[in-house]
Amino acid sequence: MKPDTDERLEDAIAATDELIALARDAGSQARIFLEMARLQLQLELNGITEDEFSAFCDALEEGKFAHDGCERSAAAHARPRRNSDLRLMRRAWRNPQDPARQSRERAGR
């Protein structure tokens, strides 16, 4: 990337860090989305493609990486599931403006 683009991305990451801290202090779940936005900015800054990131995530899930030299399974570090509003929304937050999907969901209820 161009140096000016890198600098702008670094500024955006710093601004996102501040927003994450504000959301954390307020106890807002928006912090999660801000953290995802920060990750996306970091991926763009470092030139990591979606395929590379996906392969990395798959390797993590398969336990191909050891933490601190210890062989631990990925299942040992499984996060507990949360009962959040997003789970109740049935993932409508992923693509809420798709009218065809909304009509299918209404018909199926």
C-alpha atoms as a PDB file:
ATOM      1  CA  MET A   1       0.000   0.000   0.000  1.00  0.00           C
ATOM      2  CA  LYS A   2       0.985   3.600  -0.387  1.00  0.00           C
ATOM      3  CA  PRO A   3       2.590   5.300   2.616  1.00  0.00           C
ATOM      4  CA  ASP A   4      -0.252   7.824   2.896  1.00  0.00           C
ATOM      5  CA  THR A   5      -2.805   4.994   2.856  1.00  0.00           C
ATOM      6  CA  ASP A   6      -0.874   3.143   5.548  1.00  0.00           C
ATOM      7  CA  GLU A   7      -0.818   6.249   7.692  1.00  0.00           C
ATOM      8  CA  ARG A   8      -4.560   6.759   7.254  1.00  0.00           C
ATOM      9  CA  LEU A   9      -5.227   3.123   8.188  1.00  0.00           C
ATOM     10  CA  GLU A  10      -3.040   3.474  11.280  1.00  0.00           C
ATOM     11  CA  ASP A  11      -5.003   6.590  12.252  1.00  0.00           C
ATOM     12  CA  ALA A  12      -8.265   4.715  11.732  1.00  0.00           C
ATOM     13  CA  ILE A  13      -7.022   1.848  13.920  1.00  0.00           C
ATOM     14  CA  ALA A  14      -6.066   4.308  16.665  1.00  0.00           C
ATOM     15  CA  ALA A  15      -9.494   5.969  16.458  1.00  0.00           C
ATOM     16  CA  THR A  16     -11.181   2.572  16.577  1.00  0.00           C
ATOM     17  CA  ASP A  17      -9.150   1.687  19.681  1.00  0.00           C
ATOM     18  CA  GLU A  18     -10.538   4.797  21.389  1.00  0.00           C
ATOM     19  CA  LEU A  19     -14.093   3.856  20.394  1.00  0.00           C
ATOM     20  CA  ILE A  20     -13.564   0.322  21.682  1.00  0.00           C
ATOM     21  CA  ALA A  21     -12.423   1.713  25.042  1.00  0.00           C
ATOM     22  CA  LEU A  22     -15.496   3.970  25.224  1.00  0.00           C
ATOM     23  CA  ALA A  23     -17.828   1.102  24.354  1.00  0.00           C
ATOM     24  CA  ARG A  24     -16.113  -1.165  26.912  1.00  0.00           C
ATOM     25  CA  ASP A  25     -16.474   1.492  29.627  1.00  0.00           C
ATOM     26  CA  ALA A  26     -20.142   1.912  28.743  1.00  0.00           C
ATOM     27  CA  GLY A  27     -20.702  -1.857  28.790  1.00  0.00           C
ATOM     28  CA  SER A  28     -21.932  -1.750  25.207  1.00  0.00           C
ATOM     29  CA  GLN A  29     -21.984  -4.789  22.965  1.00  0.00           C
ATOM     30  CA  ALA A  30     -21.018  -2.459  20.127  1.00  0.00           C
ATOM     31  CA  ARG A  31     -17.470  -3.128  21.332  1.00  0.00           C
ATOM     32  CA  ILE A  32     -17.585  -6.486  19.544  1.00  0.00           C
ATOM     33  CA  PHE A  33     -18.401  -4.896  16.190  1.00  0.00           C
ATOM     34  CA  LEU A  34     -15.751  -2.235  16.709  1.00  0.00           C
ATOM     35  CA  GLU A  35     -13.194  -4.949  17.428  1.00  0.00           C
ATOM     36  CA  MET A  36     -14.163  -6.684  14.182  1.00  0.00           C
ATOM     37  CA  ALA A  37     -13.770  -3.378  12.328  1.00  0.00           C
ATOM     38  CA  ARG A  38     -10.337  -2.926  13.918  1.00  0.00           C
ATOM     39  CA  LEU A  39      -9.319  -6.407  12.797  1.00  0.00           C
ATOM     40  CA  GLN A  40     -10.440  -5.653   9.240  1.00  0.00           C
ATOM     41  CA  LEU A  41      -8.389  -2.452   9.233  1.00  0.00           C
ATOM     42  CA  GLN A  42      -5.349  -4.355  10.496  1.00  0.00           C
ATOM     43  CA  LEU A  43      -5.785  -6.963   7.764  1.00  0.00           C
ATOM     44  CA  GLU A  44      -5.895  -4.240   5.124  1.00  0.00           C
ATOM     45  CA  LEU A  45      -2.892  -2.439   6.614  1.00  0.00           C
ATOM     46  CA  ASN A  46      -0.807  -5.619   6.558  1.00  0.00           C
ATOM     47  CA  GLY A  47      -2.027  -6.774   3.138  1.00  0.00           C
ATOM     48  CA  ILE A  48      -3.556 -10.013   4.416  1.00  0.00           C
ATOM     49  CA  THR A  49      -6.093 -11.445   1.987  1.00  0.00           C
ATOM     50  CA  GLU A  50      -9.378 -13.025   2.978  1.00  0.00           C
ATOM     51  CA  ASP A  51      -8.088 -16.426   1.832  1.00  0.00           C
ATOM     52  CA  GLU A  52      -4.955 -16.108   3.971  1.00  0.00           C
ATOM     53  CA  PHE A  53      -6.961 -15.072   7.007  1.00  0.00           C
ATOM     54  CA  SER A  54      -9.443 -17.896   6.463  1.00  0.00           C
ATOM     55  CA  ALA A  55      -6.621 -20.427   6.199  1.00  0.00           C
ATOM     56  CA  PHE A  56      -5.119 -19.050   9.414  1.00  0.00           C
ATOM     57  CA  CYS A  57      -8.467 -19.364  11.231  1.00  0.00           C
ATOM     58  CA  ASP A  58      -8.886 -22.933   9.957  1.00  0.00           C
ATOM     59  CA  ALA A  59      -5.411 -23.816  11.217  1.00  0.00           C
ATOM     60  CA  LEU A  60      -6.241 -22.348  14.627  1.00  0.00           C
ATOM     61  CA  GLU A  61      -9.467 -24.361  14.830  1.00  0.00           C
ATOM     62  CA  GLU A  62      -7.630 -27.548  13.885  1.00  0.00           C
ATOM     63  CA  GLY A  63      -5.099 -26.930  16.653  1.00  0.00           C
ATOM     64  CA  LYS A  64      -2.110 -26.741  14.325  1.00  0.00           C
ATOM     65  CA  PHE A  65      -0.523 -24.030  16.463  1.00  0.00           C
ATOM     66  CA  ALA A  66       0.792 -24.626  19.965  1.00  0.00           C
ATOM     67  CA  HIS A  67       0.652 -21.906  22.596  1.00  0.00           C
ATOM     68  CA  ASP A  68       3.933 -21.319  24.459  1.00  0.00           C
ATOM     69  CA  GLY A  69       5.314 -24.630  23.247  1.00  0.00           C
ATOM     70  CA  CYS A  70       2.544 -26.602  24.954  1.00  0.00           C
ATOM     71  CA  GLU A  71       0.422 -28.921  22.868  1.00  0.00           C
ATOM     72  CA  ARG A  72      -3.159 -27.999  23.653  1.00  0.00           C
ATOM     73  CA  SER A  73      -6.245 -28.735  21.681  1.00  0.00           C
ATOM     74  CA  ALA A  74      -8.408 -25.936  20.353  1.00  0.00           C
ATOM     75  CA  ALA A  75     -11.348 -27.452  22.233  1.00  0.00           C
ATOM     76  CA  ALA A  76      -9.581 -26.754  25.523  1.00  0.00           C
ATOM     77  CA  HIS A  77      -9.870 -23.058  24.749  1.00  0.00           C
ATOM     78  CA  ALA A  78     -13.435 -23.040  23.505  1.00  0.00           C
ATOM     79  CA  ARG A  79     -15.311 -19.877  24.380  1.00  0.00           C
ATOM     80  CA  PRO A  80     -18.607 -20.186  26.190  1.00  0.00           C
ATOM     81  CA  ARG A  81     -21.597 -19.236  24.064  1.00  0.00           C
ATOM     82  CA  ARG A  82     -23.401 -16.094  25.048  1.00  0.00           C
ATOM     83  CA  ASN A  83     -27.118 -15.532  25.052  1.00  0.00           C
ATOM     84  CA  SER A  84     -27.005 -12.165  23.354  1.00  0.00           C
ATOM     85  CA  ASP A  85     -29.510 -10.190  21.356  1.00  0.00           C
ATOM     86  CA  LEU A  86     -27.772 -11.218  18.130  1.00  0.00           C
ATOM     87  CA  ARG A  87     -28.537 -14.870  18.726  1.00  0.00           C
ATOM     88  CA  LEU A  88     -32.190 -14.000  19.235  1.00  0.00           C
ATOM     89  CA  MET A  89     -32.224 -12.100  15.944  1.00  0.00           C
ATOM     90  CA  ARG A  90     -31.400 -15.312  14.060  1.00  0.00           C
ATOM     91  CA  ARG A  91     -28.454 -13.668  12.338  1.00  0.00           C
ATOM     92  CA  ALA A  92     -30.660 -11.070  10.667  1.00  0.00           C
ATOM     93  CA  TRP A  93     -27.880  -8.586  11.353  1.00  0.00           C
ATOM     94  CA  ARG A  94     -25.777 -10.190   8.608  1.00  0.00           C
ATOM     95  CA  ASN A  95     -27.925  -9.073   5.709  1.00  0.00           C
ATOM     96  CA  PRO A  96     -30.973  -7.196   7.014  1.00  0.00           C
ATOM     97  CA  GLN A  97     -31.777  -5.326   3.794  1.00  0.00           C
ATOM     98  CA  ASP A  98     -32.357  -8.396   1.618  1.00  0.00           C
ATOM     99  CA  PRO A  99     -36.150  -8.218   0.934  1.00  0.00           C
ATOM    100  CA  ALA A 100     -36.302 -11.729  -0.549  1.00  0.00           C
ATOM    101  CA  ARG A 101     -34.789 -13.208   2.595  1.00  0.00           C
ATOM    102  CA  GLN A 102     -37.111 -11.223   4.851  1.00  0.00           C
ATOM    103  CA  SER A 103     -40.200 -12.450   2.997  1.00  0.00           C
ATOM    104  CA  ARG A 104     -38.975 -16.074   3.212  1.00  0.00           C
ATOM    105  CA  GLU A 105     -38.410 -15.703   6.942  1.00  0.00           C
ATOM    106  CA  ARG A 106     -41.866 -14.227   7.481  1.00  0.00           C
ATOM    107  CA  ALA A 107     -43.495 -17.022   5.471  1.00  0.00           C
ATOM    108  CA  GLY A 108     -41.672 -19.666   7.479  1.00  0.00           C
ATOM    109  CA  ARG A 109     -42.809 -18.390  10.886  1.00  0.00           C
END
